Amino acid sequence: MATDSEILEHQRALQDEADAAVAELGLDTALAVFGDPIRTGSSALGLMVRPDIDITVCCPVLDAGTVADVIDLGARLARHAQVRRVQYRDDTGAWNQEPDAYPDGVYLGLGFRSAAGRDWTSDIWFVDQPQRQPDLAHLRTLPPRLTEQARVEILRIKHARSASGASVYEAVLDGGVRTPEEFDAWAAARG
């Protein structure tokens, strides 16, 4: 079993590589054209165990012109030498499966290889109602609660289990879960 310092070092290394990958693809500049790109999820919270970068772009408006520009960006990214895959999804209007839980949005999913040689994924959401976006709420509510010990416990569980980050955060921060085995029991009790 990895030590606490090894778990934290792995997270730091992934974090550094994530920052470099965003720069390599020019994502900050490309996304700023649409509004305010905000890194979310594990790469924003310092809780990385897998090579995945989540970004939510807060757009002033999500209209047909914005959607067309997002599609154009996807095409440009598809031509980037490090990018293997680009996926587009429309979750606006009738396509939004959970309008009570999530705002309308459009999505670009990327699969790419960093200059360090690791395969990465990135989930990029474009929304115009950021106050309704759960990942942005996590950036406000979770950091004050993330003690060094909670970080280690979250990272240890995420290393051991393939569960959503949000469920692990809830289990540790709200459910008192400390180990992968306790997480299994917590998840089973929730159905």
C-alpha atoms as a PDB file:
ATOM      1  CA  MET A   1       0.000   0.000   0.000  1.00  0.00           C
ATOM      2  CA  ALA A   2       1.278   3.452  -0.918  1.00  0.00           C
ATOM      3  CA  THR A   3       2.310   5.824   1.844  1.00  0.00           C
ATOM      4  CA  ASP A   4       0.569   9.145   2.368  1.00  0.00           C
ATOM      5  CA  SER A   5       3.563  10.990   0.920  1.00  0.00           C
ATOM      6  CA  GLU A   6       3.603   8.736  -2.171  1.00  0.00           C
ATOM      7  CA  ILE A   7      -0.112   9.353  -2.744  1.00  0.00           C
ATOM      8  CA  LEU A   8       0.366  13.115  -2.421  1.00  0.00           C
ATOM      9  CA  GLU A   9       3.423  13.064  -4.696  1.00  0.00           C
ATOM     10  CA  HIS A  10       1.488  11.156  -7.387  1.00  0.00           C
ATOM     11  CA  GLN A  11      -1.255  13.787  -7.177  1.00  0.00           C
ATOM     12  CA  ARG A  12       1.276  16.629  -7.465  1.00  0.00           C
ATOM     13  CA  ALA A  13       2.918  15.031 -10.501  1.00  0.00           C
ATOM     14  CA  LEU A  14      -0.448  14.605 -12.246  1.00  0.00           C
ATOM     15  CA  GLN A  15      -1.383  18.172 -11.320  1.00  0.00           C
ATOM     16  CA  ASP A  16       1.827  19.523 -12.863  1.00  0.00           C
ATOM     17  CA  GLU A  17       1.306  17.451 -16.001  1.00  0.00           C
ATOM     18  CA  ALA A  18      -2.333  18.620 -16.235  1.00  0.00           C
ATOM     19  CA  ASP A  19      -1.206  22.244 -16.089  1.00  0.00           C
ATOM     20  CA  ALA A  20       1.375  21.575 -18.807  1.00  0.00           C
ATOM     21  CA  ALA A  21      -1.174  19.739 -20.981  1.00  0.00           C
ATOM     22  CA  VAL A  22      -3.631  22.653 -20.817  1.00  0.00           C
ATOM     23  CA  ALA A  23      -0.812  24.944 -21.946  1.00  0.00           C
ATOM     24  CA  GLU A  24       0.322  22.539 -24.704  1.00  0.00           C
ATOM     25  CA  LEU A  25      -3.164  22.512 -26.223  1.00  0.00           C
ATOM     26  CA  GLY A  26      -3.585  26.262 -25.761  1.00  0.00           C
ATOM     27  CA  LEU A  27      -6.865  25.668 -23.964  1.00  0.00           C
ATOM     28  CA  ASP A  28      -6.824  28.728 -21.707  1.00  0.00           C
ATOM     29  CA  THR A  29      -6.524  31.087 -24.682  1.00  0.00           C
ATOM     30  CA  ALA A  30      -8.906  29.128 -26.924  1.00  0.00           C
ATOM     31  CA  LEU A  31     -11.591  28.887 -24.243  1.00  0.00           C
ATOM     32  CA  ALA A  32     -11.286  32.489 -23.030  1.00  0.00           C
ATOM     33  CA  VAL A  33     -12.823  33.582 -26.345  1.00  0.00           C
ATOM     34  CA  PHE A  34     -16.122  32.095 -25.088  1.00  0.00           C
ATOM     35  CA  GLY A  35     -16.082  33.545 -21.582  1.00  0.00           C
ATOM     36  CA  ASP A  36     -14.463  32.521 -18.314  1.00  0.00           C
ATOM     37  CA  PRO A  37     -12.823  29.057 -18.426  1.00  0.00           C
ATOM     38  CA  ILE A  38     -12.658  27.579 -14.929  1.00  0.00           C
ATOM     39  CA  ARG A  39     -10.816  24.385 -14.101  1.00  0.00           C
ATOM     40  CA  THR A  40     -13.106  22.150 -12.043  1.00  0.00           C
ATOM     41  CA  GLY A  41     -13.041  18.648 -10.603  1.00  0.00           C
ATOM     42  CA  SER A  42      -9.984  16.893  -9.267  1.00  0.00           C
ATOM     43  CA  SER A  43      -7.472  19.027 -11.175  1.00  0.00           C
ATOM     44  CA  ALA A  44      -8.886  22.159  -9.531  1.00  0.00           C
ATOM     45  CA  LEU A  45      -9.192  20.596  -6.085  1.00  0.00           C
ATOM     46  CA  GLY A  46      -5.764  18.932  -5.985  1.00  0.00           C
ATOM     47  CA  LEU A  47      -7.341  15.460  -5.840  1.00  0.00           C
ATOM     48  CA  MET A  48      -6.036  13.858  -9.036  1.00  0.00           C
ATOM     49  CA  VAL A  49      -5.481  10.126  -9.401  1.00  0.00           C
ATOM     50  CA  ARG A  50      -6.263   9.791 -13.123  1.00  0.00           C
ATOM     51  CA  PRO A  51      -5.206  11.848 -16.157  1.00  0.00           C
ATOM     52  CA  ASP A  52      -8.433  13.800 -16.619  1.00  0.00           C
ATOM     53  CA  ILE A  53      -9.035  17.552 -16.757  1.00  0.00           C
ATOM     54  CA  ASP A  54     -12.462  19.118 -16.256  1.00  0.00           C
ATOM     55  CA  ILE A  55     -13.162  22.675 -17.387  1.00  0.00           C
ATOM     56  CA  THR A  56     -16.388  24.652 -17.304  1.00  0.00           C
ATOM     57  CA  VAL A  57     -16.578  27.729 -19.520  1.00  0.00           C
ATOM     58  CA  CYS A  58     -19.003  30.368 -18.237  1.00  0.00           C
ATOM     59  CA  CYS A  59     -20.355  31.985 -21.405  1.00  0.00           C
ATOM     60  CA  PRO A  60     -22.277  35.283 -21.476  1.00  0.00           C
ATOM     61  CA  VAL A  61     -24.799  33.602 -23.771  1.00  0.00           C
ATOM     62  CA  LEU A  62     -25.177  30.097 -25.184  1.00  0.00           C
ATOM     63  CA  ASP A  63     -26.863  30.801 -28.501  1.00  0.00           C
ATOM     64  CA  ALA A  64     -26.578  29.330 -31.997  1.00  0.00           C
ATOM     65  CA  GLY A  65     -23.514  31.470 -32.725  1.00  0.00           C
ATOM     66  CA  THR A  66     -21.731  30.258 -29.591  1.00  0.00           C
ATOM     67  CA  VAL A  67     -22.602  26.652 -30.384  1.00  0.00           C
ATOM     68  CA  ALA A  68     -21.242  27.045 -33.934  1.00  0.00           C
ATOM     69  CA  ASP A  69     -18.028  28.521 -32.518  1.00  0.00           C
ATOM     70  CA  VAL A  70     -17.682  25.604 -30.065  1.00  0.00           C
ATOM     71  CA  ILE A  71     -18.047  23.178 -32.977  1.00  0.00           C
ATOM     72  CA  ASP A  72     -15.367  25.118 -34.872  1.00  0.00           C
ATOM     73  CA  LEU A  73     -13.091  24.923 -31.827  1.00  0.00           C
ATOM     74  CA  GLY A  74     -13.646  21.167 -31.718  1.00  0.00           C
ATOM     75  CA  ALA A  75     -12.592  20.924 -35.362  1.00  0.00           C
ATOM     76  CA  ARG A  76      -9.459  22.986 -34.674  1.00  0.00           C
ATOM     77  CA  LEU A  77      -8.567  20.845 -31.673  1.00  0.00           C
ATOM     78  CA  ALA A  78      -9.091  17.698 -33.772  1.00  0.00           C
ATOM     79  CA  ARG A  79      -6.282  18.903 -36.025  1.00  0.00           C
ATOM     80  CA  HIS A  80      -3.852  19.381 -33.105  1.00  0.00           C
ATOM     81  CA  ALA A  81      -1.018  16.850 -33.327  1.00  0.00           C
ATOM     82  CA  GLN A  82      -1.518  15.693 -29.720  1.00  0.00           C
ATOM     83  CA  VAL A  83      -5.292  15.194 -30.008  1.00  0.00           C
ATOM     84  CA  ARG A  84      -6.644  11.770 -30.899  1.00  0.00           C
ATOM     85  CA  ARG A  85     -10.369  12.250 -30.274  1.00  0.00           C
ATOM     86  CA  VAL A  86     -12.898  15.076 -30.058  1.00  0.00           C
ATOM     87  CA  GLN A  87     -16.516  14.441 -29.086  1.00  0.00           C
ATOM     88  CA  TYR A  88     -19.295  17.044 -29.244  1.00  0.00           C
ATOM     89  CA  ARG A  89     -22.590  16.799 -27.363  1.00  0.00           C
ATOM     90  CA  ASP A  90     -25.585  19.117 -27.262  1.00  0.00           C
ATOM     91  CA  ASP A  91     -27.310  19.179 -23.868  1.00  0.00           C
ATOM     92  CA  THR A  92     -29.566  22.154 -24.569  1.00  0.00           C
ATOM     93  CA  GLY A  93     -33.350  22.362 -24.696  1.00  0.00           C
ATOM     94  CA  ALA A  94     -34.979  18.984 -25.259  1.00  0.00           C
ATOM     95  CA  TRP A  95     -31.541  17.313 -25.253  1.00  0.00           C
ATOM     96  CA  ASN A  96     -30.917  18.294 -21.612  1.00  0.00           C
ATOM     97  CA  GLN A  97     -31.833  15.049 -19.820  1.00  0.00           C
ATOM     98  CA  GLU A  98     -31.764  16.609 -16.320  1.00  0.00           C
ATOM     99  CA  PRO A  99     -32.891  20.238 -16.628  1.00  0.00           C
ATOM    100  CA  ASP A 100     -33.725  20.420 -12.915  1.00  0.00           C
ATOM    101  CA  ALA A 101     -30.174  19.421 -11.956  1.00  0.00           C
ATOM    102  CA  TYR A 102     -28.053  20.959 -14.733  1.00  0.00           C
ATOM    103  CA  PRO A 103     -28.175  24.052 -16.909  1.00  0.00           C
ATOM    104  CA  ASP A 104     -28.290  23.780 -20.674  1.00  0.00           C
ATOM    105  CA  GLY A 105     -24.798  23.275 -22.034  1.00  0.00           C
ATOM    106  CA  VAL A 106     -22.660  22.021 -24.858  1.00  0.00           C
ATOM    107  CA  TYR A 107     -19.758  19.664 -24.335  1.00  0.00           C
ATOM    108  CA  LEU A 108     -16.424  18.900 -25.912  1.00  0.00           C
ATOM    109  CA  GLY A 109     -14.681  15.718 -24.825  1.00  0.00           C
ATOM    110  CA  LEU A 110     -11.023  15.365 -25.722  1.00  0.00           C
ATOM    111  CA  GLY A 111      -8.672  12.414 -25.824  1.00  0.00           C
ATOM    112  CA  PHE A 112      -5.050  13.449 -26.217  1.00  0.00           C
ATOM    113  CA  ARG A 113      -1.462  12.589 -25.372  1.00  0.00           C
ATOM    114  CA  SER A 114       0.603  14.988 -23.297  1.00  0.00           C
ATOM    115  CA  ALA A 115       4.158  15.907 -24.236  1.00  0.00           C
ATOM    116  CA  ALA A 116       5.159  13.663 -21.324  1.00  0.00           C
ATOM    117  CA  GLY A 117       3.651  10.720 -23.258  1.00  0.00           C
ATOM    118  CA  ARG A 118       0.610  10.038 -21.070  1.00  0.00           C
ATOM    119  CA  ASP A 119      -2.893   9.646 -22.517  1.00  0.00           C
ATOM    120  CA  TRP A 120      -5.380  12.156 -21.079  1.00  0.00           C
ATOM    121  CA  THR A 121      -9.047  12.998 -21.301  1.00  0.00           C
ATOM    122  CA  SER A 122     -10.680  16.360 -20.846  1.00  0.00           C
ATOM    123  CA  ASP A 123     -14.331  17.233 -20.321  1.00  0.00           C
ATOM    124  CA  ILE A 124     -15.149  20.815 -21.311  1.00  0.00           C
ATOM    125  CA  TRP A 125     -18.615  22.228 -20.660  1.00  0.00           C
ATOM    126  CA  PHE A 126     -19.895  25.519 -22.043  1.00  0.00           C
ATOM    127  CA  VAL A 127     -22.779  26.971 -19.977  1.00  0.00           C
ATOM    128  CA  ASP A 128     -24.500  30.335 -19.625  1.00  0.00           C
ATOM    129  CA  GLN A 129     -26.063  29.680 -16.214  1.00  0.00           C
ATOM    130  CA  PRO A 130     -22.946  28.960 -14.133  1.00  0.00           C
ATOM    131  CA  GLN A 131     -24.823  29.403 -10.855  1.00  0.00           C
ATOM    132  CA  ARG A 132     -26.653  26.144 -11.705  1.00  0.00           C
ATOM    133  CA  GLN A 133     -23.509  24.155 -12.558  1.00  0.00           C
ATOM    134  CA  PRO A 134     -22.709  21.654  -9.741  1.00  0.00           C
ATOM    135  CA  ASP A 135     -18.959  21.451 -10.433  1.00  0.00           C
ATOM    136  CA  LEU A 136     -18.637  25.209  -9.883  1.00  0.00           C
ATOM    137  CA  ALA A 137     -20.530  24.905  -6.591  1.00  0.00           C
ATOM    138  CA  HIS A 138     -17.982  22.283  -5.482  1.00  0.00           C
ATOM    139  CA  LEU A 139     -15.187  24.818  -6.014  1.00  0.00           C
ATOM    140  CA  ARG A 140     -16.880  27.106  -3.493  1.00  0.00           C
ATOM    141  CA  THR A 141     -17.898  24.518  -0.902  1.00  0.00           C
ATOM    142  CA  LEU A 142     -15.193  21.827  -0.854  1.00  0.00           C
ATOM    143  CA  PRO A 143     -11.801  23.600  -0.505  1.00  0.00           C
ATOM    144  CA  PRO A 144     -12.454  24.992   2.994  1.00  0.00           C
ATOM    145  CA  ARG A 145     -13.278  21.446   4.141  1.00  0.00           C
ATOM    146  CA  LEU A 146     -10.256  19.703   2.595  1.00  0.00           C
ATOM    147  CA  THR A 147      -7.796  19.109   5.409  1.00  0.00           C
ATOM    148  CA  GLU A 148      -4.534  17.360   4.552  1.00  0.00           C
ATOM    149  CA  GLN A 149      -5.898  14.174   6.152  1.00  0.00           C
ATOM    150  CA  ALA A 150      -9.165  14.367   4.186  1.00  0.00           C
ATOM    151  CA  ARG A 151      -7.126  14.841   0.993  1.00  0.00           C
ATOM    152  CA  VAL A 152      -5.098  11.709   1.687  1.00  0.00           C
ATOM    153  CA  GLU A 153      -8.236   9.691   2.506  1.00  0.00           C
ATOM    154  CA  ILE A 154      -9.981  10.862  -0.672  1.00  0.00           C
ATOM    155  CA  LEU A 155      -6.916  10.111  -2.802  1.00  0.00           C
ATOM    156  CA  ARG A 156      -6.466   6.674  -1.215  1.00  0.00           C
ATOM    157  CA  ILE A 157     -10.115   5.746  -1.917  1.00  0.00           C
ATOM    158  CA  LYS A 158      -9.969   7.124  -5.459  1.00  0.00           C
ATOM    159  CA  HIS A 159      -6.811   5.065  -6.109  1.00  0.00           C
ATOM    160  CA  ALA A 160      -8.519   1.908  -4.862  1.00  0.00           C
ATOM    161  CA  ARG A 161     -12.019   2.333  -6.284  1.00  0.00           C
ATOM    162  CA  SER A 162     -13.567   3.413  -9.585  1.00  0.00           C
ATOM    163  CA  ALA A 163     -16.208   5.724  -8.189  1.00  0.00           C
ATOM    164  CA  SER A 164     -17.156   9.258  -9.088  1.00  0.00           C
ATOM    165  CA  GLY A 165     -15.068  11.886  -7.369  1.00  0.00           C
ATOM    166  CA  ALA A 166     -18.207  13.593  -6.078  1.00  0.00           C
ATOM    167  CA  SER A 167     -19.360  10.420  -4.302  1.00  0.00           C
ATOM    168  CA  VAL A 168     -15.929   9.930  -2.702  1.00  0.00           C
ATOM    169  CA  TYR A 169     -15.860  13.572  -1.555  1.00  0.00           C
ATOM    170  CA  GLU A 170     -19.326  13.190  -0.029  1.00  0.00           C
ATOM    171  CA  ALA A 171     -18.418   9.917   1.676  1.00  0.00           C
ATOM    172  CA  VAL A 172     -15.266  11.324   3.275  1.00  0.00           C
ATOM    173  CA  LEU A 173     -16.414  14.858   4.069  1.00  0.00           C
ATOM    174  CA  ASP A 174     -20.033  14.147   5.043  1.00  0.00           C
ATOM    175  CA  GLY A 175     -20.121  10.424   5.796  1.00  0.00           C
ATOM    176  CA  GLY A 176     -16.995  10.051   7.916  1.00  0.00           C
ATOM    177  CA  VAL A 177     -15.551   7.416   5.563  1.00  0.00           C
ATOM    178  CA  ARG A 178     -11.781   6.900   5.933  1.00  0.00           C
ATOM    179  CA  THR A 179     -10.841   3.751   3.973  1.00  0.00           C
ATOM    180  CA  PRO A 180     -11.743   2.017   0.700  1.00  0.00           C
ATOM    181  CA  GLU A 181     -13.534  -0.699   2.682  1.00  0.00           C
ATOM    182  CA  GLU A 182     -15.589   1.890   4.570  1.00  0.00           C
ATOM    183  CA  PHE A 183     -16.391   3.495   1.219  1.00  0.00           C
ATOM    184  CA  ASP A 184     -17.721   0.162  -0.079  1.00  0.00           C
ATOM    185  CA  ALA A 185     -20.023  -0.144   2.947  1.00  0.00           C
ATOM    186  CA  TRP A 186     -21.116   3.502   2.614  1.00  0.00           C
ATOM    187  CA  ALA A 187     -21.903   3.046  -1.094  1.00  0.00           C
ATOM    188  CA  ALA A 188     -23.773  -0.236  -0.475  1.00  0.00           C
ATOM    189  CA  ALA A 189     -25.908   1.391   2.225  1.00  0.00           C
ATOM    190  CA  ARG A 190     -26.905   4.114  -0.217  1.00  0.00           C
ATOM    191  CA  GLY A 191     -28.101   1.549  -2.732  1.00  0.00           C
END
